[in-house]
Amino acid sequence: MVNYDIIIVGAGLVGLATAYEVKKKSPKKKVLILEKTKGVATHQSGHNSGVIHSGIYYNPGSLKAANCIAGYHSLIQFVKEYGVPYDRCGKIIVATSKDEIPALEAIYNKGIANGLSDLEMLSKEGIKEIEPHSSGVRAIKVPQTGIVDYPAMAHQLLRLFIEEQEGEISFGEEVIDITGQRTGNIVETTKQTYHAVSVVTCAGLHSDRVASMTERYNDLKIIPFRGEYYKLKPEKEYLVKHLIYPVPNPRFPFLGVHFTRMINGGVEAGPNAVLAFKREGYKFSSFSVRDSVDTLTWPGFWKIVGKYGKTGMGEMYRSISKAAFTRALQKLLPEIHEDDLIAGAAGVRAQACDRAGNLIDDFDIIAKNNVIHVRNAPSPAATSCLAIGKTISEKLIMD
């Protein structure tokens, strides 16, 4: 049996940032990351839109708000110091009708309460000055928002952890059980058995399953939602100068289809949010019996269907109808036509749902008996990763 002070499960951005922050706080600790795939950032961390979120949407005092604001500043400092490609390009959140103005004003007030400076409420004419091809009745200009190469950041965190902090990582090693003992924790994988004083799990799309290894009554289930993107044809990229977002539905924990400039060039349009029948399924045809059964037998799922069935059917329709997807985009950019869009990437969001059918909108981190589980880390977890890692490092038993 191999002994470590701390084992971290998962090499996405949250797991890597946690390992990095733990070693910063306690460099003499022997720390191991276990990752079931062959590389870092292979799922949510490497299949997102690359946005650096400002924290404007989140309820003041929530874990999301606190970690996003702190994580934002830490991330900007990190990417500057280590040369990770980024661009603080700014965005606008656009109300396309008068009915959306109260929700837009509520978002503005949250931004002010969360300490964002230089926010600007734009008139219809002000929108045109910033995004000449966009359409709306009012908008918020958010200068803090940016884009970044998150996979490059993940690889930089790994380099620092391995080369400078003398941490260890093992790829292709899936954790199959965690057992608490008086002297620590036994972590069993597909290849090896380990002993660790403390364990931190950052398992993303499988966070509920890993948490259930020690939490026998785990009251959260991951419901996977696939987000599908189109890209603008190169000759149409001039239509988007910054990032353009709609006013999100406050009852649904997704931001709606939007336009995002990408750090490596090009403009993405999307995503929608459709139920995925495989947790690591990036195609419409992707299917897993186990994952589907997990979703369909969870009592909270059917309550979600009751609450959001109509919204979900609309998202599904946009998934199979490019024309419907285009119409959703035209609310923000009327000049867009179906022929201007080409197929883009897709990602799968690990969305925690409780038994009552509530889609958990905040981060969820539980600690018990020297085991810490990150059970829910939706967007803006990538932006917040360094702050989440610091929070977790402070929870661990340190000398």
Protein backbone atom coordinates (compact mmCIF):
# COMPACT_ATOMS: atom_id res chain seq x y z
CA MET A 1 0.00 0.00 0.00
CA VAL A 2 1.33 3.41 -1.01
CA ASN A 3 0.99 6.21 1.55
CA TYR A 4 0.23 9.88 0.92
CA ASP A 5 -0.80 12.80 3.06
CA ILE A 6 -3.45 13.96 0.60
CA ILE A 7 -5.03 12.33 -2.44
CA ILE A 8 -7.04 14.45 -4.87
CA VAL A 9 -9.44 12.71 -7.23
CA GLY A 10 -9.81 14.41 -10.60
CA ALA A 11 -7.49 16.45 -12.81
CA GLY A 12 -9.91 19.05 -14.07
CA LEU A 13 -9.28 22.68 -13.22
CA VAL A 14 -10.79 22.39 -9.72
CA GLY A 15 -8.70 19.32 -8.85
CA LEU A 16 -5.51 20.79 -10.30
CA ALA A 17 -6.05 24.14 -8.60
CA THR A 18 -6.73 22.38 -5.30
CA ALA A 19 -3.49 20.40 -5.58
CA TYR A 20 -1.59 23.57 -6.45
CA GLU A 21 -3.06 25.56 -3.55
CA VAL A 22 -2.54 22.69 -1.08
CA LYS A 23 1.15 22.49 -1.99
CA LYS A 24 1.50 26.25 -1.74
CA LYS A 25 0.05 26.17 1.76
CA SER A 26 1.88 23.06 2.92
CA PRO A 27 4.79 22.22 0.59
CA LYS A 28 6.05 19.29 2.67
CA LYS A 29 2.82 17.33 2.30
CA LYS A 30 2.98 14.33 -0.02
CA VAL A 31 0.17 14.92 -2.51
CA LEU A 32 -1.13 12.67 -5.32
CA ILE A 33 -3.71 13.40 -8.01
CA LEU A 34 -5.62 10.43 -9.41
CA GLU A 35 -7.18 10.88 -12.86
CA LYS A 36 -9.10 8.17 -14.70
CA THR A 37 -8.45 9.59 -18.19
CA LYS A 38 -5.12 9.99 -19.97
CA GLY A 39 -4.79 13.75 -19.54
CA VAL A 40 -5.90 16.88 -17.72
CA ALA A 41 -9.02 18.97 -18.43
CA THR A 42 -10.51 16.23 -20.62
CA HIS A 43 -14.17 16.95 -19.82
CA GLN A 44 -15.84 20.10 -18.41
CA SER A 45 -12.58 22.02 -18.04
CA GLY A 46 -11.69 21.44 -21.67
CA HIS A 47 -15.17 21.55 -23.21
CA ASN A 48 -16.42 24.97 -22.15
CA SER A 49 -16.63 28.33 -23.90
CA GLY A 50 -13.45 29.67 -22.31
CA VAL A 51 -15.15 32.62 -20.63
CA ILE A 52 -13.68 34.38 -17.59
CA HIS A 53 -16.84 35.21 -15.64
CA SER A 54 -17.11 38.44 -13.69
CA GLY A 55 -19.57 37.29 -10.99
CA ILE A 56 -22.37 39.63 -12.03
CA TYR A 57 -25.13 37.01 -12.03
CA TYR A 58 -24.67 35.44 -8.62
CA ASN A 59 -26.53 36.10 -5.39
CA PRO A 60 -24.39 38.16 -3.00
CA GLY A 61 -23.11 35.99 -0.16
CA SER A 62 -23.37 32.72 -2.11
CA LEU A 63 -20.37 30.43 -2.58
CA LYS A 64 -20.61 31.16 -6.29
CA ALA A 65 -20.35 34.90 -5.77
CA ALA A 66 -17.55 34.76 -3.21
CA ASN A 67 -15.45 32.25 -5.13
CA CYS A 68 -16.09 33.79 -8.54
CA ILE A 69 -14.99 37.27 -7.46
CA ALA A 70 -11.92 35.99 -5.59
CA GLY A 71 -11.21 33.44 -8.32
CA TYR A 72 -11.47 36.06 -11.03
CA HIS A 73 -8.69 38.16 -9.51
CA SER A 74 -6.54 35.10 -8.79
CA LEU A 75 -7.03 33.81 -12.33
CA ILE A 76 -6.09 37.13 -13.94
CA GLN A 77 -2.94 37.29 -11.80
CA PHE A 78 -2.08 33.66 -12.65
CA VAL A 79 -2.51 33.94 -16.43
CA LYS A 80 -0.52 37.17 -16.50
CA GLU A 81 2.32 35.66 -14.48
CA TYR A 82 2.58 32.44 -16.48
CA GLY A 83 1.74 33.67 -19.97
CA VAL A 84 -1.54 31.81 -20.44
CA PRO A 85 -3.39 33.35 -23.42
CA TYR A 86 -6.29 35.55 -22.33
CA ASP A 87 -8.19 38.64 -23.40
CA ARG A 88 -10.26 40.81 -21.08
CA CYS A 89 -12.55 41.80 -23.96
CA GLY A 90 -15.73 42.62 -22.02
CA LYS A 91 -19.33 41.68 -22.76
CA ILE A 92 -22.82 43.09 -22.93
CA ILE A 93 -25.97 41.50 -21.46
CA VAL A 94 -28.85 42.51 -23.71
CA ALA A 95 -32.54 42.92 -22.93
CA THR A 96 -34.31 42.36 -26.24
CA SER A 97 -37.72 43.50 -24.96
CA LYS A 98 -39.08 45.83 -22.28
CA ASP A 99 -40.31 42.79 -20.33
CA GLU A 100 -36.68 41.81 -19.67
CA ILE A 101 -35.62 45.18 -18.24
CA PRO A 102 -36.54 44.40 -14.58
CA ALA A 103 -34.45 41.19 -14.71
CA LEU A 104 -31.60 43.12 -16.35
CA GLU A 105 -31.72 45.73 -13.57
CA ALA A 106 -31.66 42.96 -10.96
CA ILE A 107 -28.50 41.56 -12.56
CA TYR A 108 -26.94 45.03 -12.53
CA ASN A 109 -27.74 45.41 -8.82
CA LYS A 110 -26.18 42.01 -8.07
CA GLY A 111 -23.04 43.11 -9.87
CA ILE A 112 -22.80 46.27 -7.79
CA ALA A 113 -23.43 44.29 -4.58
CA ASN A 114 -20.67 41.88 -5.58
CA GLY A 115 -18.20 44.74 -5.93
CA LEU A 116 -17.96 45.06 -9.72
CA SER A 117 -16.86 48.51 -10.83
CA ASP A 118 -17.32 50.36 -14.11
CA LEU A 119 -20.56 48.59 -14.99
CA GLU A 120 -22.57 50.67 -17.42
CA MET A 121 -26.26 50.54 -18.29
CA LEU A 122 -26.59 51.12 -22.02
CA SER A 123 -29.48 52.55 -23.99
CA LYS A 124 -30.56 51.19 -27.36
CA GLU A 125 -28.18 53.67 -28.97
CA GLY A 126 -25.40 52.74 -26.56
CA ILE A 127 -25.68 49.09 -27.59
CA LYS A 128 -25.12 50.07 -31.22
CA GLU A 129 -21.97 52.00 -30.31
CA ILE A 130 -20.39 48.88 -28.80
CA GLU A 131 -22.00 46.14 -30.92
CA PRO A 132 -23.29 47.77 -34.12
CA HIS A 133 -25.02 44.61 -35.32
CA SER A 134 -26.74 43.69 -32.06
CA SER A 135 -30.31 44.58 -31.21
CA GLY A 136 -31.87 45.37 -27.85
CA VAL A 137 -33.71 47.96 -25.80
CA ARG A 138 -31.17 48.12 -22.97
CA ALA A 139 -27.97 46.34 -21.94
CA ILE A 140 -25.28 46.13 -19.27
CA LYS A 141 -21.67 46.60 -20.31
CA VAL A 142 -19.43 44.33 -18.19
CA PRO A 143 -15.79 45.26 -18.80
CA GLN A 144 -14.38 42.57 -16.47
CA THR A 145 -15.52 39.61 -18.58
CA GLY A 146 -12.87 37.94 -20.71
CA ILE A 147 -11.80 34.79 -22.50
CA VAL A 148 -8.92 32.45 -21.71
CA ASP A 149 -7.31 29.20 -22.83
CA TYR A 150 -8.47 26.97 -19.97
CA PRO A 151 -6.69 23.81 -21.22
CA ALA A 152 -3.43 25.80 -21.34
CA MET A 153 -4.10 26.96 -17.78
CA ALA A 154 -4.69 23.35 -16.70
CA HIS A 155 -1.39 22.25 -18.22
CA GLN A 156 0.39 25.15 -16.51
CA LEU A 157 -1.08 24.16 -13.15
CA LEU A 158 0.07 20.59 -13.76
CA ARG A 159 3.58 21.75 -14.65
CA LEU A 160 3.87 23.83 -11.49
CA PHE A 161 2.49 21.02 -9.34
CA ILE A 162 4.86 18.39 -10.76
CA GLU A 163 8.03 20.33 -11.54
CA GLU A 164 8.13 23.05 -8.90
CA GLN A 165 6.03 21.65 -6.06
CA GLU A 166 7.14 18.01 -6.46
CA GLY A 167 3.59 16.69 -6.51
CA GLU A 168 2.59 13.44 -8.18
CA ILE A 169 -0.13 12.46 -10.64
CA SER A 170 -1.30 9.11 -11.98
CA PHE A 171 -3.33 8.96 -15.19
CA GLY A 172 -5.58 6.13 -16.35
CA GLU A 173 -6.43 5.24 -12.76
CA GLU A 174 -10.09 5.27 -11.78
CA VAL A 175 -11.10 5.40 -8.12
CA ILE A 176 -13.55 2.58 -7.33
CA ASP A 177 -13.82 2.90 -3.54
CA ILE A 178 -12.91 5.13 -0.60
CA THR A 179 -13.06 3.69 2.90
CA GLY A 180 -12.54 5.69 6.07
CA GLN A 181 -10.39 4.20 8.86
CA ARG A 182 -9.17 5.41 12.21
CA THR A 183 -5.75 6.15 10.73
CA GLY A 184 -7.00 7.83 7.57
CA ASN A 185 -8.60 6.70 4.32
CA ILE A 186 -8.08 3.76 2.00
CA VAL A 187 -8.44 4.70 -1.68
CA GLU A 188 -8.83 1.79 -4.06
CA THR A 189 -8.37 2.29 -7.81
CA THR A 190 -8.41 0.06 -10.87
CA LYS A 191 -4.63 -0.32 -10.47
CA GLN A 192 -3.56 0.25 -6.87
CA THR A 193 -4.56 0.69 -3.25
CA TYR A 194 -3.49 3.82 -1.37
CA HIS A 195 -3.59 5.16 2.14
CA ALA A 196 -4.12 8.90 2.62
CA VAL A 197 -4.69 11.01 5.69
CA SER A 198 -7.05 13.25 3.71
CA VAL A 199 -8.95 12.83 0.44
CA VAL A 200 -10.45 15.52 -1.78
CA THR A 201 -12.75 14.50 -4.64
CA CYS A 202 -13.24 16.82 -7.61
CA ALA A 203 -14.85 14.28 -9.92
CA GLY A 204 -17.06 16.58 -12.02
CA LEU A 205 -19.48 14.51 -14.07
CA HIS A 206 -19.08 11.62 -11.62
CA SER A 207 -18.98 13.66 -8.41
CA ASP A 208 -22.17 12.08 -7.01
CA ARG A 209 -20.90 8.55 -7.52
CA VAL A 210 -17.55 9.28 -5.88
CA ALA A 211 -19.21 11.15 -3.00
CA SER A 212 -21.48 8.15 -2.41
CA MET A 213 -18.42 6.04 -1.64
CA THR A 214 -18.27 7.70 1.78
CA GLU A 215 -21.65 9.46 2.01
CA ARG A 216 -24.06 6.53 2.09
CA TYR A 217 -27.05 8.87 1.93
CA ASN A 218 -25.99 11.19 -0.82
CA ASP A 219 -28.94 13.48 -1.54
CA LEU A 220 -27.62 14.88 -4.83
CA LYS A 221 -27.56 13.30 -8.28
CA ILE A 222 -25.68 14.57 -11.32
CA ILE A 223 -28.02 15.19 -14.25
CA PRO A 224 -25.87 15.73 -17.37
CA PHE A 225 -26.87 18.48 -19.79
CA ARG A 226 -25.17 18.74 -23.15
CA GLY A 227 -24.48 22.21 -24.52
CA GLU A 228 -24.14 22.35 -28.30
CA TYR A 229 -22.47 25.19 -30.18
CA TYR A 230 -22.36 26.51 -33.70
CA LYS A 231 -19.56 28.70 -35.02
CA LEU A 232 -19.89 31.74 -37.24
CA LYS A 233 -18.37 31.37 -40.68
CA PRO A 234 -15.12 33.38 -40.84
CA GLU A 235 -16.63 35.98 -43.15
CA LYS A 236 -19.34 36.70 -40.55
CA GLU A 237 -17.12 37.04 -37.48
CA TYR A 238 -17.09 40.83 -37.90
CA LEU A 239 -20.67 40.86 -36.59
CA VAL A 240 -19.45 40.25 -33.01
CA LYS A 241 -16.96 42.62 -31.40
CA HIS A 242 -17.02 41.41 -27.79
CA LEU A 243 -19.27 38.84 -26.05
CA ILE A 244 -23.04 39.17 -26.39
CA TYR A 245 -25.35 37.52 -23.83
CA PRO A 246 -29.12 37.52 -23.33
CA VAL A 247 -30.93 38.14 -20.07
CA PRO A 248 -31.09 34.62 -18.59
CA ASN A 249 -34.22 32.94 -17.31
CA PRO A 250 -33.89 33.37 -13.51
CA ARG A 251 -35.71 30.05 -12.93
CA PHE A 252 -33.29 28.03 -15.07
CA PRO A 253 -29.55 27.78 -14.14
CA PHE A 254 -28.28 28.32 -17.68
CA LEU A 255 -27.35 31.59 -19.38
CA GLY A 256 -29.08 31.01 -22.71
CA VAL A 257 -27.61 31.08 -26.21
CA HIS A 258 -25.00 33.77 -26.67
CA PHE A 259 -22.04 34.83 -28.82
CA THR A 260 -18.50 34.27 -27.56
CA ARG A 261 -15.24 35.26 -29.18
CA MET A 262 -12.76 32.41 -28.72
CA ILE A 263 -9.19 32.83 -27.52
CA ASN A 264 -7.78 30.92 -30.49
CA GLY A 265 -9.91 32.78 -33.00
CA GLY A 266 -13.47 32.51 -34.25
CA VAL A 267 -16.86 33.14 -32.69
CA GLU A 268 -19.05 30.53 -31.01
CA ALA A 269 -22.83 30.75 -30.93
CA GLY A 270 -24.72 28.82 -28.25
CA PRO A 271 -25.05 26.70 -26.27
CA ASN A 272 -28.44 25.18 -25.84
CA ALA A 273 -28.98 22.88 -22.84
CA VAL A 274 -30.39 19.42 -23.56
CA LEU A 275 -30.57 16.34 -21.40
CA ALA A 276 -27.61 14.07 -22.17
CA PHE A 277 -28.05 10.31 -22.01
CA LYS A 278 -24.34 9.82 -21.35
CA ARG A 279 -22.28 11.79 -18.84
CA GLU A 280 -19.33 11.94 -21.19
CA GLY A 281 -21.46 12.07 -24.34
CA TYR A 282 -20.68 14.93 -26.69
CA LYS A 283 -22.90 13.82 -29.56
CA PHE A 284 -26.68 13.68 -29.90
CA SER A 285 -26.39 9.91 -30.40
CA SER A 286 -24.23 9.31 -27.29
CA PHE A 287 -25.89 6.84 -24.92
CA SER A 288 -24.99 4.99 -21.72
CA VAL A 289 -27.37 2.54 -20.07
CA ARG A 290 -25.91 3.20 -16.61
CA ASP A 291 -26.03 6.97 -16.95
CA SER A 292 -29.54 6.95 -18.37
CA VAL A 293 -30.85 4.66 -15.64
CA ASP A 294 -29.23 6.87 -13.00
CA THR A 295 -31.06 9.90 -14.40
CA LEU A 296 -34.43 8.30 -15.09
CA THR A 297 -34.69 6.56 -11.70
CA TRP A 298 -33.83 9.68 -9.69
CA PRO A 299 -37.05 11.09 -8.18
CA GLY A 300 -35.84 14.64 -8.59
CA PHE A 301 -35.50 14.22 -12.35
CA TRP A 302 -39.22 13.75 -12.89
CA LYS A 303 -39.92 16.80 -10.78
CA ILE A 304 -37.55 18.73 -13.07
CA VAL A 305 -39.58 17.48 -16.02
CA GLY A 306 -42.72 18.80 -14.34
CA LYS A 307 -41.15 22.20 -13.69
CA TYR A 308 -39.13 22.72 -16.87
CA GLY A 309 -40.67 20.31 -19.37
CA LYS A 310 -41.76 23.03 -21.79
CA THR A 311 -38.37 24.77 -21.59
CA GLY A 312 -36.59 21.45 -22.05
CA MET A 313 -38.63 20.59 -25.14
CA GLY A 314 -37.69 23.97 -26.62
CA GLU A 315 -34.01 23.25 -25.98
CA MET A 316 -34.35 19.80 -27.54
CA TYR A 317 -36.09 21.27 -30.58
CA ARG A 318 -33.23 23.73 -31.07
CA SER A 319 -30.85 20.79 -30.85
CA ILE A 320 -32.42 19.07 -33.87
CA SER A 321 -33.50 22.19 -35.77
CA LYS A 322 -30.81 24.58 -36.98
CA ALA A 323 -33.55 26.97 -38.05
CA ALA A 324 -34.91 27.14 -34.50
CA PHE A 325 -31.40 27.62 -33.11
CA THR A 326 -30.89 30.47 -35.59
CA ARG A 327 -34.13 32.17 -34.55
CA ALA A 328 -32.96 32.17 -30.92
CA LEU A 329 -29.69 33.82 -31.98
CA GLN A 330 -31.50 36.40 -34.12
CA LYS A 331 -32.99 37.96 -30.99
CA LEU A 332 -29.49 39.22 -30.20
CA LEU A 333 -28.09 39.51 -33.72
CA PRO A 334 -30.86 39.96 -36.32
CA GLU A 335 -28.45 39.77 -39.28
CA ILE A 336 -27.53 36.14 -38.55
CA HIS A 337 -28.85 33.60 -41.03
CA GLU A 338 -28.88 29.83 -40.93
CA ASP A 339 -26.22 29.67 -43.65
CA ASP A 340 -23.87 31.76 -41.49
CA LEU A 341 -23.53 28.93 -38.94
CA ILE A 342 -21.33 25.84 -39.09
CA ALA A 343 -21.22 22.97 -36.61
CA GLY A 344 -19.13 23.66 -33.52
CA ALA A 345 -18.09 21.85 -30.36
CA ALA A 346 -20.17 20.52 -27.49
CA GLY A 347 -19.75 20.16 -23.75
CA VAL A 348 -21.56 18.35 -20.97
CA ARG A 349 -22.42 20.17 -17.76
CA ALA A 350 -22.55 18.23 -14.50
CA GLN A 351 -25.70 19.68 -12.94
CA ALA A 352 -26.55 18.50 -9.44
CA CYS A 353 -30.21 17.88 -8.65
CA ASP A 354 -31.72 17.05 -5.27
CA ARG A 355 -34.59 14.67 -4.53
CA ALA A 356 -37.12 17.51 -4.57
CA GLY A 357 -36.22 18.39 -8.15
CA ASN A 358 -34.18 21.49 -7.40
CA LEU A 359 -31.33 22.19 -9.82
CA ILE A 360 -28.57 23.21 -7.42
CA ASP A 361 -27.31 26.59 -8.58
CA ASP A 362 -24.54 27.12 -6.01
CA PHE A 363 -21.28 25.30 -5.41
CA ASP A 364 -21.67 22.39 -3.01
CA ILE A 365 -18.66 21.27 -0.95
CA ILE A 366 -18.99 18.94 2.03
CA ALA A 367 -16.30 17.89 4.52
CA LYS A 368 -16.44 14.96 6.92
CA ASN A 369 -13.78 12.75 8.56
CA ASN A 370 -10.88 14.16 6.52
CA VAL A 371 -12.76 13.65 3.24
CA ILE A 372 -13.89 16.63 1.20
CA HIS A 373 -16.28 16.16 -1.71
CA VAL A 374 -16.92 18.84 -4.33
CA ARG A 375 -20.40 17.62 -5.25
CA ASN A 376 -21.48 20.50 -7.47
CA ALA A 377 -19.18 22.87 -9.32
CA PRO A 378 -21.04 24.28 -12.34
CA SER A 379 -20.08 27.46 -14.16
CA PRO A 380 -18.24 29.60 -13.05
CA ALA A 381 -16.10 26.83 -11.53
CA ALA A 382 -13.36 27.28 -14.15
CA THR A 383 -13.09 31.00 -13.36
CA SER A 384 -13.30 30.23 -9.63
CA CYS A 385 -10.92 27.25 -9.58
CA LEU A 386 -8.05 28.90 -7.73
CA ALA A 387 -10.39 30.35 -5.11
CA ILE A 388 -12.13 26.97 -4.69
CA GLY A 389 -8.74 25.32 -4.35
CA LYS A 390 -7.71 27.82 -1.69
CA THR A 391 -10.98 27.30 0.19
CA ILE A 392 -10.45 23.55 0.19
CA SER A 393 -6.82 23.84 1.24
CA GLU A 394 -7.92 25.84 4.26
CA LYS A 395 -10.42 23.11 5.19
CA LEU A 396 -7.78 20.39 5.18
CA ILE A 397 -5.77 19.51 8.30
CA MET A 398 -2.46 21.34 7.87
CA ASP A 399 0.64 21.58 10.05
